[in-house]
Amino acid sequence: MPGPNEGTILRGQKVHAARLSEATIELPEQPKSASFFTIQGQDSATG
């Protein structure tokens, strides 16, 4: 479950890449729902 400060930017701007010592890796999109089926790209069992 998300914490109360999740997504809070303390300094700088929101970015879609993480800088590592040897490479830059693109960060994945955040799911719009915590449903297993939504994250897997499937219709839910009830919908």
Protein backbone atom coordinates (compact mmCIF):
# COMPACT_ATOMS: atom_id res chain seq x y z
CA MET A 1 0.00 0.00 0.00
CA PRO A 2 1.28 3.48 -0.79
CA GLY A 3 2.59 5.57 2.09
CA PRO A 4 1.40 9.11 2.79
CA ASN A 5 4.57 10.62 1.23
CA GLU A 6 4.80 8.38 -1.84
CA GLY A 7 5.53 10.45 -4.94
CA THR A 8 6.59 13.52 -2.97
CA ILE A 9 9.48 15.29 -4.69
CA LEU A 10 11.86 16.77 -2.15
CA ARG A 11 14.19 18.51 -4.57
CA GLY A 12 14.34 18.94 -8.33
CA GLN A 13 11.77 17.78 -10.88
CA LYS A 14 9.92 14.56 -11.69
CA VAL A 15 11.89 12.41 -14.14
CA HIS A 16 11.25 9.13 -15.98
CA ALA A 17 14.79 7.75 -15.82
CA ALA A 18 17.14 6.69 -13.04
CA ARG A 19 20.83 7.49 -13.29
CA LEU A 20 23.09 4.61 -12.26
CA SER A 21 26.86 4.30 -12.14
CA GLU A 22 27.11 2.51 -15.49
CA ALA A 23 23.81 3.13 -17.33
CA THR A 24 20.55 5.04 -17.45
CA ILE A 25 17.43 2.91 -17.04
CA GLU A 26 13.96 4.12 -17.97
CA LEU A 27 11.49 3.82 -15.10
CA PRO A 28 8.19 1.98 -15.74
CA GLU A 29 4.80 3.71 -15.80
CA GLN A 30 2.94 3.57 -12.49
CA PRO A 31 -0.23 1.45 -12.65
CA LYS A 32 -3.51 3.36 -12.30
CA SER A 33 -4.92 0.66 -10.01
CA ALA A 34 -3.54 -1.79 -7.47
CA SER A 35 -5.62 -4.60 -9.03
CA PHE A 36 -3.58 -7.64 -10.11
CA PHE A 37 -5.61 -7.83 -13.33
CA THR A 38 -5.04 -4.16 -14.19
CA ILE A 39 -1.29 -4.49 -13.68
CA GLN A 40 -1.23 -7.63 -15.87
CA GLY A 41 -3.22 -5.85 -18.61
CA GLN A 42 -6.26 -8.11 -18.24
CA ASP A 43 -9.93 -7.40 -17.60
CA SER A 44 -10.94 -7.90 -14.00
CA ALA A 45 -13.04 -10.86 -12.98
CA THR A 46 -15.91 -8.56 -11.96
CA GLY A 47 -15.79 -6.16 -14.91
